[in-house]
Amino acid sequence: MSITLEIRPEVEAELSRKASLSGRDLAGYVVDLLESAVHKPAYSPLAPDDDPDFGKKLIAVCAMVRGLTDDVDFSRDRSTTWRPLDIA
């Protein structure tokens, strides 16, 4: 199959540079880029569609962290008056 691409000269120059650094001709380098783009999976740290046990694993992770912040006070001072800030 043949495809004709219209690309900006600066893009072509950069592709040529990278192709020569890898020891490939421009056409072969571009074909490799396209093929790797097709086979590269989309990044997803949490892929529920790919893992049938995703729900169970998520529940297990949540159970591990449950209660870790029970003794931490997340309330804030709602005062609107100026007060010094100690960052030491």
C-alpha atoms as a PDB file:
ATOM      1  CA  MET A   1       0.000   0.000   0.000  1.00  0.00           C
ATOM      2  CA  SER A   2       1.257   3.481  -0.794  1.00  0.00           C
ATOM      3  CA  ILE A   3       0.386   6.661   1.055  1.00  0.00           C
ATOM      4  CA  THR A   4       1.378  10.172   0.069  1.00  0.00           C
ATOM      5  CA  LEU A   5       1.883  12.598   2.930  1.00  0.00           C
ATOM      6  CA  GLU A   6       2.214  16.361   2.748  1.00  0.00           C
ATOM      7  CA  ILE A   7       4.366  17.475   5.662  1.00  0.00           C
ATOM      8  CA  ARG A   8       6.077  20.728   6.522  1.00  0.00           C
ATOM      9  CA  PRO A   9       9.739  20.994   5.481  1.00  0.00           C
ATOM     10  CA  GLU A  10      10.924  21.296   9.081  1.00  0.00           C
ATOM     11  CA  VAL A  11       9.109  18.083   9.985  1.00  0.00           C
ATOM     12  CA  GLU A  12      10.671  16.307   7.022  1.00  0.00           C
ATOM     13  CA  ALA A  13      14.106  17.590   8.028  1.00  0.00           C
ATOM     14  CA  GLU A  14      13.676  16.316  11.595  1.00  0.00           C
ATOM     15  CA  LEU A  15      12.416  12.946  10.368  1.00  0.00           C
ATOM     16  CA  SER A  16      15.402  12.706   8.023  1.00  0.00           C
ATOM     17  CA  ARG A  17      17.769  13.569  10.853  1.00  0.00           C
ATOM     18  CA  LYS A  18      16.297  10.933  13.142  1.00  0.00           C
ATOM     19  CA  ALA A  19      16.273   8.376  10.334  1.00  0.00           C
ATOM     20  CA  SER A  20      19.952   8.932   9.624  1.00  0.00           C
ATOM     21  CA  LEU A  21      20.793   8.704  13.343  1.00  0.00           C
ATOM     22  CA  SER A  22      19.095   5.313  13.454  1.00  0.00           C
ATOM     23  CA  GLY A  23      20.814   4.208  10.242  1.00  0.00           C
ATOM     24  CA  ARG A  24      17.571   3.980   8.279  1.00  0.00           C
ATOM     25  CA  ASP A  25      16.337   5.620   5.118  1.00  0.00           C
ATOM     26  CA  LEU A  26      13.512   8.124   5.552  1.00  0.00           C
ATOM     27  CA  ALA A  27      10.772   5.880   4.112  1.00  0.00           C
ATOM     28  CA  GLY A  28      11.711   2.915   6.295  1.00  0.00           C
ATOM     29  CA  TYR A  29      11.927   5.110   9.368  1.00  0.00           C
ATOM     30  CA  VAL A  30       8.453   6.579   8.759  1.00  0.00           C
ATOM     31  CA  VAL A  31       6.996   3.114   8.146  1.00  0.00           C
ATOM     32  CA  ASP A  32       8.463   1.940  11.478  1.00  0.00           C
ATOM     33  CA  LEU A  33       6.973   4.974  13.245  1.00  0.00           C
ATOM     34  CA  LEU A  34       3.532   4.304  11.808  1.00  0.00           C
ATOM     35  CA  GLU A  35       3.638   0.600  12.602  1.00  0.00           C
ATOM     36  CA  SER A  36       4.738   1.213  16.189  1.00  0.00           C
ATOM     37  CA  ALA A  37       1.989   3.823  16.602  1.00  0.00           C
ATOM     38  CA  VAL A  38      -0.624   1.289  15.525  1.00  0.00           C
ATOM     39  CA  HIS A  39       0.615  -1.405  17.898  1.00  0.00           C
ATOM     40  CA  LYS A  40       1.280   0.856  20.871  1.00  0.00           C
ATOM     41  CA  PRO A  41      -1.419   0.443  23.498  1.00  0.00           C
ATOM     42  CA  ALA A  42      -2.982   3.581  24.907  1.00  0.00           C
ATOM     43  CA  TYR A  43      -1.626   4.281  28.382  1.00  0.00           C
ATOM     44  CA  SER A  44      -4.090   3.621  31.114  1.00  0.00           C
ATOM     45  CA  PRO A  45      -2.953   3.068  34.694  1.00  0.00           C
ATOM     46  CA  LEU A  46      -6.411   1.753  35.487  1.00  0.00           C
ATOM     47  CA  ALA A  47      -7.892  -0.241  32.641  1.00  0.00           C
ATOM     48  CA  PRO A  48     -11.172  -1.684  33.914  1.00  0.00           C
ATOM     49  CA  ASP A  49     -12.177  -2.928  30.453  1.00  0.00           C
ATOM     50  CA  ASP A  50      -9.053  -5.094  30.186  1.00  0.00           C
ATOM     51  CA  ASP A  51      -9.245  -6.705  33.613  1.00  0.00           C
ATOM     52  CA  PRO A  52     -12.276  -8.707  34.696  1.00  0.00           C
ATOM     53  CA  ASP A  53     -11.107  -8.513  38.343  1.00  0.00           C
ATOM     54  CA  PHE A  54     -10.671  -4.734  38.273  1.00  0.00           C
ATOM     55  CA  GLY A  55     -13.486  -4.071  40.738  1.00  0.00           C
ATOM     56  CA  LYS A  56     -12.142  -6.548  43.271  1.00  0.00           C
ATOM     57  CA  LYS A  57      -8.634  -5.107  42.974  1.00  0.00           C
ATOM     58  CA  LEU A  58      -9.894  -1.552  43.407  1.00  0.00           C
ATOM     59  CA  ILE A  59     -11.848  -2.533  46.507  1.00  0.00           C
ATOM     60  CA  ALA A  60      -8.731  -4.245  47.911  1.00  0.00           C
ATOM     61  CA  VAL A  61      -6.601  -1.134  47.349  1.00  0.00           C
ATOM     62  CA  CYS A  62      -9.220   1.088  48.987  1.00  0.00           C
ATOM     63  CA  ALA A  63      -9.399  -1.289  51.950  1.00  0.00           C
ATOM     64  CA  MET A  64      -5.622  -1.000  52.443  1.00  0.00           C
ATOM     65  CA  VAL A  65      -5.789   2.782  52.851  1.00  0.00           C
ATOM     66  CA  ARG A  66      -9.042   2.925  54.793  1.00  0.00           C
ATOM     67  CA  GLY A  67      -8.535   4.462  58.198  1.00  0.00           C
ATOM     68  CA  LEU A  68      -5.069   5.896  57.515  1.00  0.00           C
ATOM     69  CA  THR A  69      -6.307   9.456  57.996  1.00  0.00           C
ATOM     70  CA  ASP A  70      -8.722   8.903  60.848  1.00  0.00           C
ATOM     71  CA  ASP A  71      -6.423  10.704  63.303  1.00  0.00           C
ATOM     72  CA  VAL A  72      -5.663  13.646  60.970  1.00  0.00           C
ATOM     73  CA  ASP A  73      -7.579  16.896  61.401  1.00  0.00           C
ATOM     74  CA  PHE A  74      -8.450  18.296  57.980  1.00  0.00           C
ATOM     75  CA  SER A  75     -10.524  21.175  59.328  1.00  0.00           C
ATOM     76  CA  ARG A  76      -9.347  24.708  58.615  1.00  0.00           C
ATOM     77  CA  ASP A  77      -9.428  27.986  60.443  1.00  0.00           C
ATOM     78  CA  ARG A  78     -12.238  29.952  58.792  1.00  0.00           C
ATOM     79  CA  SER A  79     -11.106  33.218  60.355  1.00  0.00           C
ATOM     80  CA  THR A  80     -10.757  36.100  57.874  1.00  0.00           C
ATOM     81  CA  THR A  81      -8.392  38.087  60.081  1.00  0.00           C
ATOM     82  CA  TRP A  82      -4.703  38.282  59.275  1.00  0.00           C
ATOM     83  CA  ARG A  83      -2.470  35.939  61.164  1.00  0.00           C
ATOM     84  CA  PRO A  84       1.269  35.269  60.899  1.00  0.00           C
ATOM     85  CA  LEU A  85       2.345  32.190  59.021  1.00  0.00           C
ATOM     86  CA  ASP A  86       5.057  30.045  60.559  1.00  0.00           C
ATOM     87  CA  ILE A  87       6.745  28.031  57.825  1.00  0.00           C
ATOM     88  CA  ALA A  88       9.707  26.846  59.925  1.00  0.00           C
END
